[in-house]
Amino acid sequence: MNKRLRFSIILPVLLLAFLAVMAYVGLDLLRAGHSLRYYCTLAGGLVLIALIYWRLRKKEMAARAKTDDEAQYGPYPQDMGKK
């Protein structure tokens, strides 16, 4: 079985790695007493990564559903003239 990593998995993992590096670099901000700014930035980054994941997942599922419909019923009439 050929398992391929989906873009909706790859991009959020890369963004999480970037956020982890930024959290490490931002430790000076935490040590300086700006803990609210530090934690809000991390929380905001996590929320954005989650939103990106859900949006990409929804887009992939819609594309897969269209492909499944075409496999079952044939191409859509508006796609017949396109090459």
N, C-alpha and C. Protein backbone atom coordinates (compact mmCIF):
# COMPACT_ATOMS: atom_id res chain seq x y z
N MET A 1 0.84 -1.17 0.00
CA MET A 1 0.00 0.00 0.00
C MET A 1 0.89 1.24 0.00
N ASN A 2 0.65 2.11 -0.94
CA ASN A 2 1.47 3.30 -1.09
C ASN A 2 0.88 4.44 -0.27
N LYS A 3 1.48 4.71 0.88
CA LYS A 3 1.04 5.80 1.73
C LYS A 3 1.84 7.04 1.38
N ARG A 4 1.13 8.11 1.11
CA ARG A 4 1.78 9.37 0.77
C ARG A 4 1.40 10.41 1.83
N LEU A 5 2.38 11.15 2.31
CA LEU A 5 2.08 12.19 3.27
C LEU A 5 1.32 13.31 2.58
N ARG A 6 0.24 13.72 3.20
CA ARG A 6 -0.59 14.78 2.63
C ARG A 6 -0.03 16.14 3.02
N PHE A 7 -0.34 17.12 2.18
CA PHE A 7 0.10 18.49 2.42
C PHE A 7 -0.49 19.03 3.72
N SER A 8 -1.71 18.56 4.07
CA SER A 8 -2.35 19.03 5.30
C SER A 8 -1.64 18.50 6.54
N ILE A 9 -0.74 17.56 6.37
CA ILE A 9 0.06 17.06 7.50
C ILE A 9 1.44 17.71 7.47
N ILE A 10 2.04 17.78 6.29
CA ILE A 10 3.41 18.28 6.17
C ILE A 10 3.53 19.73 6.62
N LEU A 11 2.66 20.61 6.10
CA LEU A 11 2.76 22.03 6.41
C LEU A 11 2.57 22.32 7.91
N PRO A 12 1.54 21.79 8.58
CA PRO A 12 1.42 22.05 10.02
C PRO A 12 2.60 21.51 10.84
N VAL A 13 3.17 20.38 10.43
CA VAL A 13 4.33 19.85 11.17
C VAL A 13 5.52 20.79 11.01
N LEU A 14 5.73 21.29 9.80
CA LEU A 14 6.81 22.26 9.60
C LEU A 14 6.57 23.54 10.38
N LEU A 15 5.33 24.00 10.41
CA LEU A 15 5.01 25.20 11.17
C LEU A 15 5.17 24.98 12.68
N LEU A 16 4.84 23.77 13.15
CA LEU A 16 5.06 23.46 14.57
C LEU A 16 6.54 23.45 14.91
N ALA A 17 7.36 22.92 14.00
CA ALA A 17 8.81 22.94 14.23
C ALA A 17 9.32 24.38 14.28
N PHE A 18 8.82 25.21 13.38
CA PHE A 18 9.20 26.63 13.38
C PHE A 18 8.76 27.30 14.67
N LEU A 19 7.55 26.99 15.14
CA LEU A 19 7.06 27.57 16.39
C LEU A 19 7.90 27.11 17.58
N ALA A 20 8.36 25.87 17.56
CA ALA A 20 9.22 25.38 18.64
C ALA A 20 10.55 26.12 18.66
N VAL A 21 11.11 26.37 17.49
CA VAL A 21 12.36 27.14 17.42
C VAL A 21 12.12 28.55 17.91
N MET A 22 11.02 29.15 17.50
CA MET A 22 10.72 30.52 17.93
C MET A 22 10.46 30.57 19.44
N ALA A 23 9.87 29.52 20.00
CA ALA A 23 9.65 29.48 21.44
C ALA A 23 10.99 29.42 22.18
N TYR A 24 11.94 28.67 21.62
CA TYR A 24 13.26 28.60 22.24
C TYR A 24 13.99 29.95 22.13
N VAL A 25 13.91 30.56 20.97
CA VAL A 25 14.57 31.86 20.77
C VAL A 25 13.92 32.92 21.66
N GLY A 26 12.62 32.82 21.88
CA GLY A 26 11.90 33.81 22.68
C GLY A 26 12.00 33.62 24.18
N LEU A 27 12.80 32.66 24.62
CA LEU A 27 12.94 32.46 26.07
C LEU A 27 13.51 33.68 26.77
N ASP A 28 14.30 34.47 26.06
CA ASP A 28 14.82 35.71 26.66
C ASP A 28 13.68 36.67 26.99
N LEU A 29 12.66 36.69 26.15
CA LEU A 29 11.49 37.52 26.41
C LEU A 29 10.78 37.05 27.68
N LEU A 30 10.70 35.74 27.86
CA LEU A 30 10.07 35.19 29.06
C LEU A 30 10.89 35.52 30.31
N ARG A 31 12.19 35.39 30.19
CA ARG A 31 13.08 35.70 31.33
C ARG A 31 13.08 37.18 31.69
N ALA A 32 12.76 38.01 30.69
CA ALA A 32 12.72 39.46 30.93
C ALA A 32 11.43 39.89 31.62
N GLY A 33 10.52 38.96 31.81
CA GLY A 33 9.29 39.26 32.53
C GLY A 33 8.09 39.52 31.65
N HIS A 34 8.21 39.30 30.36
CA HIS A 34 7.10 39.50 29.43
C HIS A 34 6.40 38.16 29.16
N SER A 35 5.96 37.52 30.23
CA SER A 35 5.38 36.19 30.08
C SER A 35 4.05 36.21 29.32
N LEU A 36 3.23 37.24 29.52
CA LEU A 36 1.95 37.30 28.82
C LEU A 36 2.16 37.39 27.31
N ARG A 37 3.10 38.23 26.89
CA ARG A 37 3.40 38.37 25.46
C ARG A 37 3.94 37.06 24.89
N TYR A 38 4.80 36.38 25.64
CA TYR A 38 5.40 35.13 25.20
C TYR A 38 4.33 34.05 25.00
N TYR A 39 3.48 33.86 26.01
CA TYR A 39 2.47 32.80 25.94
C TYR A 39 1.36 33.13 24.94
N CYS A 40 0.99 34.40 24.81
CA CYS A 40 -0.03 34.78 23.82
C CYS A 40 0.49 34.56 22.40
N THR A 41 1.75 34.83 22.17
CA THR A 41 2.33 34.59 20.86
C THR A 41 2.33 33.10 20.53
N LEU A 42 2.71 32.28 21.49
CA LEU A 42 2.69 30.83 21.27
C LEU A 42 1.26 30.31 21.05
N ALA A 43 0.33 30.79 21.85
CA ALA A 43 -1.07 30.36 21.71
C ALA A 43 -1.63 30.81 20.36
N GLY A 44 -1.33 32.02 19.95
CA GLY A 44 -1.78 32.51 18.65
C GLY A 44 -1.21 31.68 17.52
N GLY A 45 0.06 31.32 17.62
CA GLY A 45 0.68 30.47 16.60
C GLY A 45 0.02 29.11 16.53
N LEU A 46 -0.30 28.52 17.68
CA LEU A 46 -0.97 27.22 17.69
C LEU A 46 -2.36 27.29 17.10
N VAL A 47 -3.08 28.37 17.39
CA VAL A 47 -4.42 28.54 16.82
C VAL A 47 -4.34 28.67 15.30
N LEU A 48 -3.40 29.46 14.81
CA LEU A 48 -3.24 29.62 13.36
C LEU A 48 -2.85 28.30 12.69
N ILE A 49 -1.99 27.53 13.31
CA ILE A 49 -1.60 26.24 12.74
C ILE A 49 -2.80 25.30 12.69
N ALA A 50 -3.62 25.32 13.74
CA ALA A 50 -4.83 24.47 13.75
C ALA A 50 -5.80 24.90 12.64
N LEU A 51 -5.98 26.20 12.45
CA LEU A 51 -6.87 26.69 11.39
C LEU A 51 -6.34 26.31 10.01
N ILE A 52 -5.05 26.42 9.81
CA ILE A 52 -4.45 26.02 8.54
C ILE A 52 -4.66 24.53 8.30
N TYR A 53 -4.46 23.72 9.32
CA TYR A 53 -4.66 22.28 9.19
C TYR A 53 -6.09 21.96 8.78
N TRP A 54 -7.08 22.55 9.49
CA TRP A 54 -8.48 22.24 9.19
C TRP A 54 -8.86 22.71 7.79
N ARG A 55 -8.36 23.86 7.37
CA ARG A 55 -8.67 24.37 6.03
C ARG A 55 -8.07 23.46 4.94
N LEU A 56 -6.82 23.07 5.11
CA LEU A 56 -6.19 22.19 4.13
C LEU A 56 -6.86 20.82 4.11
N ARG A 57 -7.25 20.33 5.25
CA ARG A 57 -7.93 19.03 5.34
C ARG A 57 -9.28 19.08 4.61
N LYS A 58 -10.02 20.18 4.83
CA LYS A 58 -11.31 20.33 4.16
C LYS A 58 -11.13 20.40 2.65
N LYS A 59 -10.10 21.12 2.21
CA LYS A 59 -9.83 21.24 0.78
C LYS A 59 -9.46 19.88 0.17
N GLU A 60 -8.63 19.10 0.87
CA GLU A 60 -8.26 17.78 0.38
C GLU A 60 -9.46 16.83 0.35
N MET A 61 -10.31 16.91 1.35
CA MET A 61 -11.49 16.04 1.37
C MET A 61 -12.44 16.38 0.23
N ALA A 62 -12.59 17.66 -0.09
CA ALA A 62 -13.45 18.06 -1.20
C ALA A 62 -12.87 17.57 -2.53
N ALA A 63 -11.57 17.67 -2.68
CA ALA A 63 -10.94 17.19 -3.90
C ALA A 63 -11.07 15.67 -4.02
N ARG A 64 -10.92 14.97 -2.91
CA ARG A 64 -11.07 13.51 -2.92
C ARG A 64 -12.51 13.11 -3.23
N ALA A 65 -13.47 13.85 -2.70
CA ALA A 65 -14.87 13.54 -2.98
C ALA A 65 -15.19 13.74 -4.45
N LYS A 66 -14.63 14.79 -5.04
CA LYS A 66 -14.85 15.03 -6.47
C LYS A 66 -14.24 13.91 -7.29
N THR A 67 -13.04 13.48 -6.91
CA THR A 67 -12.38 12.39 -7.63
C THR A 67 -13.18 11.09 -7.48
N ASP A 68 -13.68 10.83 -6.28
CA ASP A 68 -14.49 9.63 -6.06
C ASP A 68 -15.78 9.67 -6.87
N ASP A 69 -16.41 10.84 -6.94
CA ASP A 69 -17.64 10.98 -7.74
C ASP A 69 -17.35 10.75 -9.22
N GLU A 70 -16.23 11.30 -9.70
CA GLU A 70 -15.89 11.12 -11.10
C GLU A 70 -15.59 9.65 -11.40
N ALA A 71 -14.97 8.96 -10.47
CA ALA A 71 -14.67 7.55 -10.67
C ALA A 71 -15.97 6.73 -10.71
N GLN A 72 -16.94 7.14 -9.93
CA GLN A 72 -18.19 6.39 -9.86
C GLN A 72 -19.16 6.76 -10.98
N TYR A 73 -19.30 8.06 -11.26
CA TYR A 73 -20.32 8.52 -12.21
C TYR A 73 -19.76 9.06 -13.52
N GLY A 74 -18.46 9.20 -13.64
CA GLY A 74 -17.88 9.81 -14.83
C GLY A 74 -17.64 11.29 -14.59
N PRO A 75 -17.01 11.97 -15.53
CA PRO A 75 -16.70 13.39 -15.33
C PRO A 75 -17.97 14.23 -15.34
N TYR A 76 -17.88 15.38 -14.68
CA TYR A 76 -18.99 16.31 -14.68
C TYR A 76 -19.16 16.91 -16.07
N PRO A 77 -20.38 17.25 -16.47
CA PRO A 77 -20.60 17.79 -17.82
C PRO A 77 -19.77 19.04 -18.11
N GLN A 78 -19.58 19.91 -17.15
CA GLN A 78 -18.80 21.12 -17.40
C GLN A 78 -17.32 20.81 -17.58
N ASP A 79 -16.86 19.64 -17.15
CA ASP A 79 -15.46 19.26 -17.31
C ASP A 79 -15.22 18.50 -18.60
N MET A 80 -16.26 18.14 -19.32
CA MET A 80 -16.12 17.32 -20.52
C MET A 80 -15.33 18.04 -21.61
N GLY A 81 -15.51 19.35 -21.77
CA GLY A 81 -14.81 20.07 -22.83
C GLY A 81 -13.39 20.44 -22.48
N LYS A 82 -13.02 20.33 -21.21
CA LYS A 82 -11.66 20.72 -20.76
C LYS A 82 -10.70 19.56 -20.96
N LYS A 83 -9.45 19.92 -21.23
CA LYS A 83 -8.42 18.88 -21.38
C LYS A 83 -7.37 19.06 -20.36
